[in-house]
Amino acid sequence: MPPLLFQLEASLSCLLVTTFMVLLTILAFTRLTPYNDWQEISQGNLAAAMSLGGKIFGVANIMRFAITTNSHALDVIFWGATGVILQILVYLAFEWVTPRLDVSKEIGRGNNAVGFMSLAFSVAFSYLIGASIS
């Protein structure tokens, strides 16, 4: 196989695999929240949109690290899945390290400050997780 076709095949397989992983992670995150993310977002809840958007960005960023540091799809899957598990644990830890806030309840109420903190937490830790899986 010519090198260019090999690179194209590798690129497409990584894109498909990581897209599927991001979509699965979105499904997992929306199942973890006590409110309906999509309903809240469709009703204009900016806090819910920021929180879910931060998680989506965070997982995509982790996948970027997994792709750029691995040349085989199986390695991307392994390190991407490891990063996703860590990101989910970070999400659960966010509730734990903010005992004065009921984060999910506040986001469900539309508290934009809490939604933004959730976004920032997800994005910041995605860089740390990404660097640690590289």
C-alpha atoms as a PDB file:
ATOM      1  CA  MET A   1       0.000   0.000   0.000  1.00  0.00           C
ATOM      2  CA  PRO A   2       1.404   3.444  -0.871  1.00  0.00           C
ATOM      3  CA  PRO A   3       2.414   5.503   2.191  1.00  0.00           C
ATOM      4  CA  LEU A   4      -0.152   8.195   1.436  1.00  0.00           C
ATOM      5  CA  LEU A   5      -3.017   5.683   1.397  1.00  0.00           C
ATOM      6  CA  PHE A   6      -1.714   4.123   4.609  1.00  0.00           C
ATOM      7  CA  GLN A   7      -1.702   7.555   6.277  1.00  0.00           C
ATOM      8  CA  LEU A   8      -5.197   8.284   4.986  1.00  0.00           C
ATOM      9  CA  GLU A   9      -6.485   4.954   6.302  1.00  0.00           C
ATOM     10  CA  ALA A  10      -4.840   5.554   9.689  1.00  0.00           C
ATOM     11  CA  SER A  11      -6.255   9.082   9.890  1.00  0.00           C
ATOM     12  CA  LEU A  12      -9.773   7.983   9.038  1.00  0.00           C
ATOM     13  CA  SER A  13      -9.684   5.061  11.461  1.00  0.00           C
ATOM     14  CA  CYS A  14      -8.485   7.322  14.289  1.00  0.00           C
ATOM     15  CA  LEU A  15     -11.172   9.888  13.459  1.00  0.00           C
ATOM     16  CA  LEU A  16     -13.928   7.273  13.419  1.00  0.00           C
ATOM     17  CA  VAL A  17     -12.758   5.564  16.606  1.00  0.00           C
ATOM     18  CA  THR A  18     -12.342   8.781  18.580  1.00  0.00           C
ATOM     19  CA  THR A  19     -15.633  10.234  17.313  1.00  0.00           C
ATOM     20  CA  PHE A  20     -17.398   7.096  18.514  1.00  0.00           C
ATOM     21  CA  MET A  21     -15.610   7.355  21.879  1.00  0.00           C
ATOM     22  CA  VAL A  22     -16.602  11.021  22.279  1.00  0.00           C
ATOM     23  CA  LEU A  23     -20.236  10.190  21.481  1.00  0.00           C
ATOM     24  CA  LEU A  24     -20.224   7.310  23.985  1.00  0.00           C
ATOM     25  CA  THR A  25     -18.757   9.601  26.622  1.00  0.00           C
ATOM     26  CA  ILE A  26     -21.435  12.227  25.980  1.00  0.00           C
ATOM     27  CA  LEU A  27     -24.021   9.491  26.501  1.00  0.00           C
ATOM     28  CA  ALA A  28     -22.319   8.468  29.759  1.00  0.00           C
ATOM     29  CA  PHE A  29     -22.149  12.049  31.048  1.00  0.00           C
ATOM     30  CA  THR A  30     -25.799  12.731  30.207  1.00  0.00           C
ATOM     31  CA  ARG A  31     -26.767   9.589  32.130  1.00  0.00           C
ATOM     32  CA  LEU A  32     -24.768  10.700  35.189  1.00  0.00           C
ATOM     33  CA  THR A  33     -26.548  14.029  35.614  1.00  0.00           C
ATOM     34  CA  PRO A  34     -29.836  14.045  37.527  1.00  0.00           C
ATOM     35  CA  TYR A  35     -31.333  16.525  35.044  1.00  0.00           C
ATOM     36  CA  ASN A  36     -31.985  16.002  31.330  1.00  0.00           C
ATOM     37  CA  ASP A  37     -29.061  17.808  29.680  1.00  0.00           C
ATOM     38  CA  TRP A  38     -30.671  18.093  26.248  1.00  0.00           C
ATOM     39  CA  GLN A  39     -33.992  19.307  27.623  1.00  0.00           C
ATOM     40  CA  GLU A  40     -32.262  21.900  29.796  1.00  0.00           C
ATOM     41  CA  ILE A  41     -30.159  23.083  26.864  1.00  0.00           C
ATOM     42  CA  SER A  42     -33.192  23.264  24.551  1.00  0.00           C
ATOM     43  CA  GLN A  43     -34.909  25.442  27.169  1.00  0.00           C
ATOM     44  CA  GLY A  44     -31.985  27.860  27.193  1.00  0.00           C
ATOM     45  CA  ASN A  45     -30.154  26.679  30.323  1.00  0.00           C
ATOM     46  CA  LEU A  46     -26.725  28.172  29.657  1.00  0.00           C
ATOM     47  CA  ALA A  47     -25.246  26.528  32.756  1.00  0.00           C
ATOM     48  CA  ALA A  48     -26.163  23.065  31.441  1.00  0.00           C
ATOM     49  CA  ALA A  49     -24.789  23.947  27.996  1.00  0.00           C
ATOM     50  CA  MET A  50     -21.491  25.180  29.461  1.00  0.00           C
ATOM     51  CA  SER A  51     -21.154  22.134  31.679  1.00  0.00           C
ATOM     52  CA  LEU A  52     -21.837  19.613  28.906  1.00  0.00           C
ATOM     53  CA  GLY A  53     -19.825  21.661  26.411  1.00  0.00           C
ATOM     54  CA  GLY A  54     -16.832  21.608  28.753  1.00  0.00           C
ATOM     55  CA  LYS A  55     -17.089  17.843  29.069  1.00  0.00           C
ATOM     56  CA  ILE A  56     -17.321  17.434  25.286  1.00  0.00           C
ATOM     57  CA  PHE A  57     -14.324  19.718  24.755  1.00  0.00           C
ATOM     58  CA  GLY A  58     -12.419  17.935  27.507  1.00  0.00           C
ATOM     59  CA  VAL A  59     -12.968  14.480  26.057  1.00  0.00           C
ATOM     60  CA  ALA A  60     -12.138  15.663  22.528  1.00  0.00           C
ATOM     61  CA  ASN A  61      -8.949  17.227  23.880  1.00  0.00           C
ATOM     62  CA  ILE A  62      -7.989  13.957  25.571  1.00  0.00           C
ATOM     63  CA  MET A  63      -8.608  12.151  22.269  1.00  0.00           C
ATOM     64  CA  ARG A  64      -6.330  14.671  20.554  1.00  0.00           C
ATOM     65  CA  PHE A  65      -3.531  13.716  22.930  1.00  0.00           C
ATOM     66  CA  ALA A  66      -4.242  10.008  22.375  1.00  0.00           C
ATOM     67  CA  ILE A  67      -4.093  10.439  18.588  1.00  0.00           C
ATOM     68  CA  THR A  68      -0.983  12.610  18.441  1.00  0.00           C
ATOM     69  CA  THR A  69       1.083  10.320  20.652  1.00  0.00           C
ATOM     70  CA  ASN A  70       0.046   6.934  19.232  1.00  0.00           C
ATOM     71  CA  SER A  71       0.302   5.537  15.731  1.00  0.00           C
ATOM     72  CA  HIS A  72      -2.054   2.555  15.990  1.00  0.00           C
ATOM     73  CA  ALA A  73      -5.820   2.639  16.454  1.00  0.00           C
ATOM     74  CA  LEU A  74      -5.683   0.113  19.320  1.00  0.00           C
ATOM     75  CA  ASP A  75      -3.250   2.326  21.226  1.00  0.00           C
ATOM     76  CA  VAL A  76      -5.508   5.326  20.604  1.00  0.00           C
ATOM     77  CA  ILE A  77      -8.473   3.331  21.915  1.00  0.00           C
ATOM     78  CA  PHE A  78      -6.588   2.169  25.018  1.00  0.00           C
ATOM     79  CA  TRP A  79      -5.156   5.562  25.968  1.00  0.00           C
ATOM     80  CA  GLY A  80      -8.309   7.396  24.939  1.00  0.00           C
ATOM     81  CA  ALA A  81     -10.436   5.094  27.102  1.00  0.00           C
ATOM     82  CA  THR A  82      -8.008   5.539  29.987  1.00  0.00           C
ATOM     83  CA  GLY A  83      -8.311   9.306  29.614  1.00  0.00           C
ATOM     84  CA  VAL A  84     -12.107   9.159  29.409  1.00  0.00           C
ATOM     85  CA  ILE A  85     -12.312   7.105  32.599  1.00  0.00           C
ATOM     86  CA  LEU A  86     -10.093   9.655  34.329  1.00  0.00           C
ATOM     87  CA  GLN A  87     -12.250  12.517  33.002  1.00  0.00           C
ATOM     88  CA  ILE A  88     -15.401  10.852  34.356  1.00  0.00           C
ATOM     89  CA  LEU A  89     -13.680  10.447  37.731  1.00  0.00           C
ATOM     90  CA  VAL A  90     -12.749  14.145  37.622  1.00  0.00           C
ATOM     91  CA  TYR A  91     -16.400  15.004  36.962  1.00  0.00           C
ATOM     92  CA  LEU A  92     -17.454  12.963  39.993  1.00  0.00           C
ATOM     93  CA  ALA A  93     -14.654  14.539  42.050  1.00  0.00           C
ATOM     94  CA  PHE A  94     -15.902  18.037  41.149  1.00  0.00           C
ATOM     95  CA  GLU A  95     -19.064  17.333  43.145  1.00  0.00           C
ATOM     96  CA  TRP A  96     -16.958  16.028  46.022  1.00  0.00           C
ATOM     97  CA  VAL A  97     -14.486  18.951  46.182  1.00  0.00           C
ATOM     98  CA  THR A  98     -17.298  21.508  46.187  1.00  0.00           C
ATOM     99  CA  PRO A  99     -19.253  20.379  49.269  1.00  0.00           C
ATOM    100  CA  ARG A 100     -20.966  23.753  49.715  1.00  0.00           C
ATOM    101  CA  LEU A 101     -22.564  23.438  46.301  1.00  0.00           C
ATOM    102  CA  ASP A 102     -24.889  20.812  44.986  1.00  0.00           C
ATOM    103  CA  VAL A 103     -23.317  21.180  41.547  1.00  0.00           C
ATOM    104  CA  SER A 104     -25.872  19.169  39.578  1.00  0.00           C
ATOM    105  CA  LYS A 105     -28.765  20.891  41.310  1.00  0.00           C
ATOM    106  CA  GLU A 106     -27.293  24.348  40.694  1.00  0.00           C
ATOM    107  CA  ILE A 107     -26.633  23.596  37.025  1.00  0.00           C
ATOM    108  CA  GLY A 108     -30.169  22.248  36.689  1.00  0.00           C
ATOM    109  CA  ARG A 109     -31.411  25.538  38.147  1.00  0.00           C
ATOM    110  CA  GLY A 110     -29.421  27.491  35.581  1.00  0.00           C
ATOM    111  CA  ASN A 111     -26.646  28.804  37.833  1.00  0.00           C
ATOM    112  CA  ASN A 112     -24.219  30.064  35.165  1.00  0.00           C
ATOM    113  CA  ALA A 113     -21.363  30.553  37.617  1.00  0.00           C
ATOM    114  CA  VAL A 114     -21.459  26.873  38.574  1.00  0.00           C
ATOM    115  CA  GLY A 115     -21.867  25.872  34.925  1.00  0.00           C
ATOM    116  CA  PHE A 116     -18.778  27.877  34.016  1.00  0.00           C
ATOM    117  CA  MET A 117     -16.772  26.357  36.878  1.00  0.00           C
ATOM    118  CA  SER A 118     -17.783  22.903  35.651  1.00  0.00           C
ATOM    119  CA  LEU A 119     -16.635  23.835  32.135  1.00  0.00           C
ATOM    120  CA  ALA A 120     -13.310  25.187  33.432  1.00  0.00           C
ATOM    121  CA  PHE A 121     -12.761  22.122  35.622  1.00  0.00           C
ATOM    122  CA  SER A 122     -13.381  19.754  32.687  1.00  0.00           C
ATOM    123  CA  VAL A 123     -11.172  21.685  30.280  1.00  0.00           C
ATOM    124  CA  ALA A 124      -8.310  22.200  32.747  1.00  0.00           C
ATOM    125  CA  PHE A 125      -8.207  18.565  33.759  1.00  0.00           C
ATOM    126  CA  SER A 126      -8.421  17.420  30.141  1.00  0.00           C
ATOM    127  CA  TYR A 127      -5.032  19.061  29.577  1.00  0.00           C
ATOM    128  CA  LEU A 128      -3.569  17.382  32.656  1.00  0.00           C
ATOM    129  CA  ILE A 129      -5.044  14.014  31.733  1.00  0.00           C
ATOM    130  CA  GLY A 130      -3.960  14.400  28.114  1.00  0.00           C
ATOM    131  CA  ALA A 131      -0.410  15.204  29.135  1.00  0.00           C
ATOM    132  CA  SER A 132      -0.354  12.249  31.518  1.00  0.00           C
ATOM    133  CA  ILE A 133      -1.430   9.752  28.835  1.00  0.00           C
ATOM    134  CA  SER A 134       1.078  11.087  26.287  1.00  0.00           C
END
